[in-house]
Amino acid sequence: MPKKRQTYEADEIIVTFDPDVCIHSGVCVMGLPDVFDIKRKRWIRPELQPPDVVAAQVMRCPSGALQFVRKQKTD
């Protein structure tokens, strides 16, 4: 049975994680350990870094299990 895609939202970016695609390379955790911390229940906290930094790290995911969407800024 497929696992549920996980969604983690910050003010300017939404990060999703697909556990069925993940190959557990650790690239995310090693690259931004404050944002990606598997010891926490809510293990992805995109609000802890600027959205550009989070997006750049997500794009390094070798399996594509991590994805992101930029949110529209509202004034």
PDB file of N, CA and C in Angstrom:
ATOM      1  N   MET A   1       0.831  -1.179   0.000  1.00  0.00           N
ATOM      2  CA  MET A   1       0.000   0.000   0.000  1.00  0.00           C
ATOM      3  C   MET A   1       0.882   1.253   0.000  1.00  0.00           C
ATOM      4  N   PRO A   2       0.621   2.189  -0.910  1.00  0.00           N
ATOM      5  CA  PRO A   2       1.445   3.400  -0.971  1.00  0.00           C
ATOM      6  C   PRO A   2       1.302   4.247   0.285  1.00  0.00           C
ATOM      7  N   LYS A   3       2.412   4.898   0.643  1.00  0.00           N
ATOM      8  CA  LYS A   3       2.409   5.804   1.783  1.00  0.00           C
ATOM      9  C   LYS A   3       1.934   7.174   1.320  1.00  0.00           C
ATOM     10  N   LYS A   4       1.396   7.941   2.243  1.00  0.00           N
ATOM     11  CA  LYS A   4       0.842   9.251   1.933  1.00  0.00           C
ATOM     12  C   LYS A   4       1.943  10.288   1.713  1.00  0.00           C
ATOM     13  N   ARG A   5       1.770  11.094   0.664  1.00  0.00           N
ATOM     14  CA  ARG A   5       2.680  12.216   0.428  1.00  0.00           C
ATOM     15  C   ARG A   5       2.527  13.210   1.576  1.00  0.00           C
ATOM     16  N   GLN A   6       3.648  13.703   2.084  1.00  0.00           N
ATOM     17  CA  GLN A   6       3.654  14.621   3.215  1.00  0.00           C
ATOM     18  C   GLN A   6       3.863  16.047   2.720  1.00  0.00           C
ATOM     19  N   THR A   7       3.185  17.002   3.335  1.00  0.00           N
ATOM     20  CA  THR A   7       3.262  18.405   2.931  1.00  0.00           C
ATOM     21  C   THR A   7       3.695  19.263   4.118  1.00  0.00           C
ATOM     22  N   TYR A   8       4.643  20.143   3.851  1.00  0.00           N
ATOM     23  CA  TYR A   8       5.191  21.033   4.875  1.00  0.00           C
ATOM     24  C   TYR A   8       5.169  22.451   4.319  1.00  0.00           C
ATOM     25  N   GLU A   9       4.448  23.318   4.981  1.00  0.00           N
ATOM     26  CA  GLU A   9       4.193  24.647   4.445  1.00  0.00           C
ATOM     27  C   GLU A   9       4.836  25.745   5.283  1.00  0.00           C
ATOM     28  N   ALA A  10       5.437  26.707   4.589  1.00  0.00           N
ATOM     29  CA  ALA A  10       5.954  27.931   5.210  1.00  0.00           C
ATOM     30  C   ALA A  10       5.293  29.108   4.499  1.00  0.00           C
ATOM     31  N   ASP A  11       5.633  30.318   4.887  1.00  0.00           N
ATOM     32  CA  ASP A  11       4.986  31.500   4.322  1.00  0.00           C
ATOM     33  C   ASP A  11       5.135  31.606   2.799  1.00  0.00           C
ATOM     34  N   GLU A  12       6.316  31.251   2.282  1.00  0.00           N
ATOM     35  CA  GLU A  12       6.583  31.481   0.861  1.00  0.00           C
ATOM     36  C   GLU A  12       6.835  30.210   0.049  1.00  0.00           C
ATOM     37  N   ILE A  13       6.849  29.050   0.684  1.00  0.00           N
ATOM     38  CA  ILE A  13       7.168  27.820  -0.029  1.00  0.00           C
ATOM     39  C   ILE A  13       6.440  26.638   0.607  1.00  0.00           C
ATOM     40  N   ILE A  14       6.064  25.690  -0.225  1.00  0.00           N
ATOM     41  CA  ILE A  14       5.483  24.433   0.234  1.00  0.00           C
ATOM     42  C   ILE A  14       6.407  23.314  -0.235  1.00  0.00           C
ATOM     43  N   VAL A  15       6.839  22.472   0.688  1.00  0.00           N
ATOM     44  CA  VAL A  15       7.697  21.331   0.366  1.00  0.00           C
ATOM     45  C   VAL A  15       6.883  20.061   0.554  1.00  0.00           C
ATOM     46  N   THR A  16       6.953  19.171  -0.434  1.00  0.00           N
ATOM     47  CA  THR A  16       6.289  17.883  -0.301  1.00  0.00           C
ATOM     48  C   THR A  16       7.333  16.771  -0.323  1.00  0.00           C
ATOM     49  N   PHE A  17       6.974  15.676   0.323  1.00  0.00           N
ATOM     50  CA  PHE A  17       7.860  14.513   0.415  1.00  0.00           C
ATOM     51  C   PHE A  17       7.058  13.265   0.104  1.00  0.00           C
ATOM     52  N   ASP A  18       7.541  12.486  -0.847  1.00  0.00           N
ATOM     53  CA  ASP A  18       6.898  11.225  -1.228  1.00  0.00           C
ATOM     54  C   ASP A  18       7.749  10.067  -0.705  1.00  0.00           C
ATOM     55  N   PRO A  19       7.339   9.431   0.396  1.00  0.00           N
ATOM     56  CA  PRO A  19       8.146   8.364   0.989  1.00  0.00           C
ATOM     57  C   PRO A  19       8.284   7.136   0.093  1.00  0.00           C
ATOM     58  N   ASP A  20       7.384   6.968  -0.862  1.00  0.00           N
ATOM     59  CA  ASP A  20       7.488   5.822  -1.774  1.00  0.00           C
ATOM     60  C   ASP A  20       8.576   6.010  -2.819  1.00  0.00           C
ATOM     61  N   VAL A  21       9.019   7.237  -3.026  1.00  0.00           N
ATOM     62  CA  VAL A  21      10.046   7.542  -4.028  1.00  0.00           C
ATOM     63  C   VAL A  21      11.432   7.682  -3.384  1.00  0.00           C
ATOM     64  N   CYS A  22      11.472   8.045  -2.114  1.00  0.00           N
ATOM     65  CA  CYS A  22      12.723   8.325  -1.412  1.00  0.00           C
ATOM     66  C   CYS A  22      13.680   7.131  -1.423  1.00  0.00           C
ATOM     67  N   ILE A  23      14.968   7.411  -1.735  1.00  0.00           N
ATOM     68  CA  ILE A  23      15.992   6.363  -1.709  1.00  0.00           C
ATOM     69  C   ILE A  23      16.906   6.502  -0.489  1.00  0.00           C
ATOM     70  N   HIS A  24      16.577   7.407   0.408  1.00  0.00           N
ATOM     71  CA  HIS A  24      17.296   7.608   1.678  1.00  0.00           C
ATOM     72  C   HIS A  24      18.782   7.889   1.482  1.00  0.00           C
ATOM     73  N   SER A  25      19.088   8.758   0.519  1.00  0.00           N
ATOM     74  CA  SER A  25      20.481   9.135   0.260  1.00  0.00           C
ATOM     75  C   SER A  25      21.026  10.059   1.343  1.00  0.00           C
ATOM     76  N   GLY A  26      20.142  10.795   2.014  1.00  0.00           N
ATOM     77  CA  GLY A  26      20.567  11.714   3.062  1.00  0.00           C
ATOM     78  C   GLY A  26      21.036  13.064   2.564  1.00  0.00           C
ATOM     79  N   VAL A  27      20.907  13.326   1.275  1.00  0.00           N
ATOM     80  CA  VAL A  27      21.351  14.600   0.715  1.00  0.00           C
ATOM     81  C   VAL A  27      20.641  15.768   1.394  1.00  0.00           C
ATOM     82  N   CYS A  28      19.357  15.644   1.635  1.00  0.00           N
ATOM     83  CA  CYS A  28      18.594  16.729   2.266  1.00  0.00           C
ATOM     84  C   CYS A  28      19.084  16.991   3.683  1.00  0.00           C
ATOM     85  N   VAL A  29      19.232  15.937   4.461  1.00  0.00           N
ATOM     86  CA  VAL A  29      19.634  16.055   5.864  1.00  0.00           C
ATOM     87  C   VAL A  29      21.049  16.619   5.984  1.00  0.00           C
ATOM     88  N   MET A  30      21.955  16.161   5.132  1.00  0.00           N
ATOM     89  CA  MET A  30      23.332  16.647   5.189  1.00  0.00           C
ATOM     90  C   MET A  30      23.445  18.088   4.689  1.00  0.00           C
ATOM     91  N   GLY A  31      22.613  18.454   3.724  1.00  0.00           N
ATOM     92  CA  GLY A  31      22.696  19.786   3.136  1.00  0.00           C
ATOM     93  C   GLY A  31      22.084  20.881   3.992  1.00  0.00           C
ATOM     94  N   LEU A  32      20.938  20.602   4.614  1.00  0.00           N
ATOM     95  CA  LEU A  32      20.268  21.584   5.480  1.00  0.00           C
ATOM     96  C   LEU A  32      19.738  20.877   6.718  1.00  0.00           C
ATOM     97  N   PRO A  33      20.611  20.544   7.653  1.00  0.00           N
ATOM     98  CA  PRO A  33      20.188  19.761   8.807  1.00  0.00           C
ATOM     99  C   PRO A  33      19.185  20.462   9.722  1.00  0.00           C
ATOM    100  N   ASP A  34      19.129  21.799   9.681  1.00  0.00           N
ATOM    101  CA  ASP A  34      18.130  22.478  10.506  1.00  0.00           C
ATOM    102  C   ASP A  34      16.738  22.350   9.897  1.00  0.00           C
ATOM    103  N   VAL A  35      16.637  22.345   8.580  1.00  0.00           N
ATOM    104  CA  VAL A  35      15.344  22.212   7.900  1.00  0.00           C
ATOM    105  C   VAL A  35      14.896  20.750   7.840  1.00  0.00           C
ATOM    106  N   PHE A  36      15.825  19.859   7.514  1.00  0.00           N
ATOM    107  CA  PHE A  36      15.522  18.435   7.366  1.00  0.00           C
ATOM    108  C   PHE A  36      16.142  17.670   8.534  1.00  0.00           C
ATOM    109  N   ASP A  37      15.334  17.311   9.499  1.00  0.00           N
ATOM    110  CA  ASP A  37      15.828  16.639  10.707  1.00  0.00           C
ATOM    111  C   ASP A  37      14.909  15.464  11.019  1.00  0.00           C
ATOM    112  N   ILE A  38      15.365  14.262  10.707  1.00  0.00           N
ATOM    113  CA  ILE A  38      14.524  13.061  10.864  1.00  0.00           C
ATOM    114  C   ILE A  38      14.244  12.713  12.318  1.00  0.00           C
ATOM    115  N   LYS A  39      14.902  13.386  13.256  1.00  0.00           N
ATOM    116  CA  LYS A  39      14.642  13.116  14.669  1.00  0.00           C
ATOM    117  C   LYS A  39      13.393  13.830  15.176  1.00  0.00           C
ATOM    118  N   ARG A  40      12.887  14.781  14.406  1.00  0.00           N
ATOM    119  CA  ARG A  40      11.670  15.503  14.783  1.00  0.00           C
ATOM    120  C   ARG A  40      10.446  14.823  14.191  1.00  0.00           C
ATOM    121  N   LYS A  41       9.319  14.965  14.859  1.00  0.00           N
ATOM    122  CA  LYS A  41       8.064  14.426  14.322  1.00  0.00           C
ATOM    123  C   LYS A  41       7.714  15.144  13.018  1.00  0.00           C
ATOM    124  N   ARG A  42       7.732  16.471  13.026  1.00  0.00           N
ATOM    125  CA  ARG A  42       7.562  17.264  11.802  1.00  0.00           C
ATOM    126  C   ARG A  42       8.973  17.496  11.261  1.00  0.00           C
ATOM    127  N   TRP A  43       9.452  16.544  10.481  1.00  0.00           N
ATOM    128  CA  TRP A  43      10.876  16.484  10.157  1.00  0.00           C
ATOM    129  C   TRP A  43      11.341  17.498   9.125  1.00  0.00           C
ATOM    130  N   ILE A  44      10.420  18.111   8.388  1.00  0.00           N
ATOM    131  CA  ILE A  44      10.788  19.172   7.446  1.00  0.00           C
ATOM    132  C   ILE A  44      10.187  20.472   7.953  1.00  0.00           C
ATOM    133  N   ARG A  45      11.042  21.471   8.156  1.00  0.00           N
ATOM    134  CA  ARG A  45      10.585  22.784   8.637  1.00  0.00           C
ATOM    135  C   ARG A  45      11.131  23.869   7.704  1.00  0.00           C
ATOM    136  N   PRO A  46      10.459  24.079   6.561  1.00  0.00           N
ATOM    137  CA  PRO A  46      10.968  25.027   5.563  1.00  0.00           C
ATOM    138  C   PRO A  46      11.018  26.473   6.044  1.00  0.00           C
ATOM    139  N   GLU A  47      10.328  26.782   7.122  1.00  0.00           N
ATOM    140  CA  GLU A  47      10.331  28.149   7.646  1.00  0.00           C
ATOM    141  C   GLU A  47      11.660  28.525   8.305  1.00  0.00           C
ATOM    142  N   LEU A  48      12.543  27.556   8.510  1.00  0.00           N
ATOM    143  CA  LEU A  48      13.801  27.820   9.205  1.00  0.00           C
ATOM    144  C   LEU A  48      14.900  28.397   8.320  1.00  0.00           C
ATOM    145  N   GLN A  49      14.675  28.432   7.017  1.00  0.00           N
ATOM    146  CA  GLN A  49      15.650  29.005   6.079  1.00  0.00           C
ATOM    147  C   GLN A  49      14.895  29.810   5.026  1.00  0.00           C
ATOM    148  N   PRO A  50      15.577  30.726   4.339  1.00  0.00           N
ATOM    149  CA  PRO A  50      14.918  31.459   3.257  1.00  0.00           C
ATOM    150  C   PRO A  50      14.417  30.488   2.173  1.00  0.00           C
ATOM    151  N   PRO A  51      13.307  30.827   1.526  1.00  0.00           N
ATOM    152  CA  PRO A  51      12.740  29.914   0.531  1.00  0.00           C
ATOM    153  C   PRO A  51      13.704  29.553  -0.605  1.00  0.00           C
ATOM    154  N   ASP A  52      14.571  30.478  -1.005  1.00  0.00           N
ATOM    155  CA  ASP A  52      15.531  30.165  -2.072  1.00  0.00           C
ATOM    156  C   ASP A  52      16.508  29.080  -1.637  1.00  0.00           C
ATOM    157  N   VAL A  53      16.913  29.126  -0.385  1.00  0.00           N
ATOM    158  CA  VAL A  53      17.848  28.130   0.159  1.00  0.00           C
ATOM    159  C   VAL A  53      17.166  26.759   0.226  1.00  0.00           C
ATOM    160  N   VAL A  54      15.926  26.733   0.705  1.00  0.00           N
ATOM    161  CA  VAL A  54      15.166  25.482   0.792  1.00  0.00           C
ATOM    162  C   VAL A  54      14.956  24.905  -0.607  1.00  0.00           C
ATOM    163  N   ALA A  55      14.545  25.746  -1.553  1.00  0.00           N
ATOM    164  CA  ALA A  55      14.295  25.284  -2.926  1.00  0.00           C
ATOM    165  C   ALA A  55      15.559  24.694  -3.544  1.00  0.00           C
ATOM    166  N   ALA A  56      16.695  25.358  -3.344  1.00  0.00           N
ATOM    167  CA  ALA A  56      17.956  24.859  -3.897  1.00  0.00           C
ATOM    168  C   ALA A  56      18.303  23.485  -3.333  1.00  0.00           C
ATOM    169  N   GLN A  57      18.061  23.287  -2.040  1.00  0.00           N
ATOM    170  CA  GLN A  57      18.353  21.984  -1.430  1.00  0.00           C
ATOM    171  C   GLN A  57      17.383  20.919  -1.930  1.00  0.00           C
ATOM    172  N   VAL A  58      16.114  21.254  -2.044  1.00  0.00           N
ATOM    173  CA  VAL A  58      15.123  20.301  -2.545  1.00  0.00           C
ATOM    174  C   VAL A  58      15.506  19.834  -3.954  1.00  0.00           C
ATOM    175  N   MET A  59      16.013  20.744  -4.774  1.00  0.00           N
ATOM    176  CA  MET A  59      16.396  20.387  -6.146  1.00  0.00           C
ATOM    177  C   MET A  59      17.593  19.433  -6.189  1.00  0.00           C
ATOM    178  N   ARG A  60      18.313  19.310  -5.100  1.00  0.00           N
ATOM    179  CA  ARG A  60      19.445  18.369  -5.027  1.00  0.00           C
ATOM    180  C   ARG A  60      19.002  16.938  -4.712  1.00  0.00           C
ATOM    181  N   CYS A  61      17.731  16.738  -4.386  1.00  0.00           N
ATOM    182  CA  CYS A  61      17.222  15.405  -4.044  1.00  0.00           C
ATOM    183  C   CYS A  61      17.382  14.483  -5.254  1.00  0.00           C
ATOM    184  N   PRO A  62      18.182  13.426  -5.127  1.00  0.00           N
ATOM    185  CA  PRO A  62      18.458  12.577  -6.293  1.00  0.00           C
ATOM    186  C   PRO A  62      17.272  11.739  -6.772  1.00  0.00           C
ATOM    187  N   SER A  63      16.326  11.472  -5.913  1.00  0.00           N
ATOM    188  CA  SER A  63      15.197  10.616  -6.300  1.00  0.00           C
ATOM    189  C   SER A  63      13.975  11.400  -6.768  1.00  0.00           C
ATOM    190  N   GLY A  64      13.920  12.679  -6.417  1.00  0.00           N
ATOM    191  CA  GLY A  64      12.733  13.465  -6.718  1.00  0.00           C
ATOM    192  C   GLY A  64      11.640  13.309  -5.675  1.00  0.00           C
ATOM    193  N   ALA A  65      11.951  12.663  -4.561  1.00  0.00           N
ATOM    194  CA  ALA A  65      10.965  12.484  -3.494  1.00  0.00           C
ATOM    195  C   ALA A  65      10.578  13.820  -2.880  1.00  0.00           C
ATOM    196  N   LEU A  66      11.502  14.761  -2.873  1.00  0.00           N
ATOM    197  CA  LEU A  66      11.213  16.110  -2.391  1.00  0.00           C
ATOM    198  C   LEU A  66      10.865  17.003  -3.573  1.00  0.00           C
ATOM    199  N   GLN A  67       9.823  17.773  -3.423  1.00  0.00           N
ATOM    200  CA  GLN A  67       9.398  18.742  -4.426  1.00  0.00           C
ATOM    201  C   GLN A  67       9.034  20.029  -3.696  1.00  0.00           C
ATOM    202  N   PHE A  68       8.943  21.124  -4.426  1.00  0.00           N
ATOM    203  CA  PHE A  68       8.510  22.369  -3.801  1.00  0.00           C
ATOM    204  C   PHE A  68       7.654  23.165  -4.764  1.00  0.00           C
ATOM    205  N   VAL A  69       6.842  24.029  -4.179  1.00  0.00           N
ATOM    206  CA  VAL A  69       6.021  24.980  -4.918  1.00  0.00           C
ATOM    207  C   VAL A  69       6.171  26.316  -4.215  1.00  0.00           C
ATOM    208  N   ARG A  70       6.425  27.358  -4.998  1.00  0.00           N
ATOM    209  CA  ARG A  70       6.496  28.708  -4.429  1.00  0.00           C
ATOM    210  C   ARG A  70       5.077  29.222  -4.232  1.00  0.00           C
ATOM    211  N   LYS A  71       4.846  29.877  -3.120  1.00  0.00           N
ATOM    212  CA  LYS A  71       3.545  30.487  -2.865  1.00  0.00           C
ATOM    213  C   LYS A  71       3.560  31.918  -3.374  1.00  0.00           C
ATOM    214  N   GLN A  72       2.426  32.390  -3.825  1.00  0.00           N
ATOM    215  CA  GLN A  72       2.304  33.771  -4.269  1.00  0.00           C
ATOM    216  C   GLN A  72       2.390  34.687  -3.061  1.00  0.00           C
ATOM    217  N   LYS A  73       3.180  35.722  -3.188  1.00  0.00           N
ATOM    218  CA  LYS A  73       3.283  36.693  -2.102  1.00  0.00           C
ATOM    219  C   LYS A  73       2.047  37.569  -2.102  1.00  0.00           C
ATOM    220  N   THR A  74       1.511  37.794  -0.916  1.00  0.00           N
ATOM    221  CA  THR A  74       0.366  38.689  -0.776  1.00  0.00           C
ATOM    222  C   THR A  74       0.765  39.836   0.139  1.00  0.00           C
ATOM    223  N   ASP A  75       0.430  41.019  -0.266  1.00  0.00           N
ATOM    224  CA  ASP A  75       0.788  42.197   0.543  1.00  0.00           C
ATOM    225  C   ASP A  75      -0.377  42.684   1.356  1.00  0.00           C
TER     226      ASP A  75
END
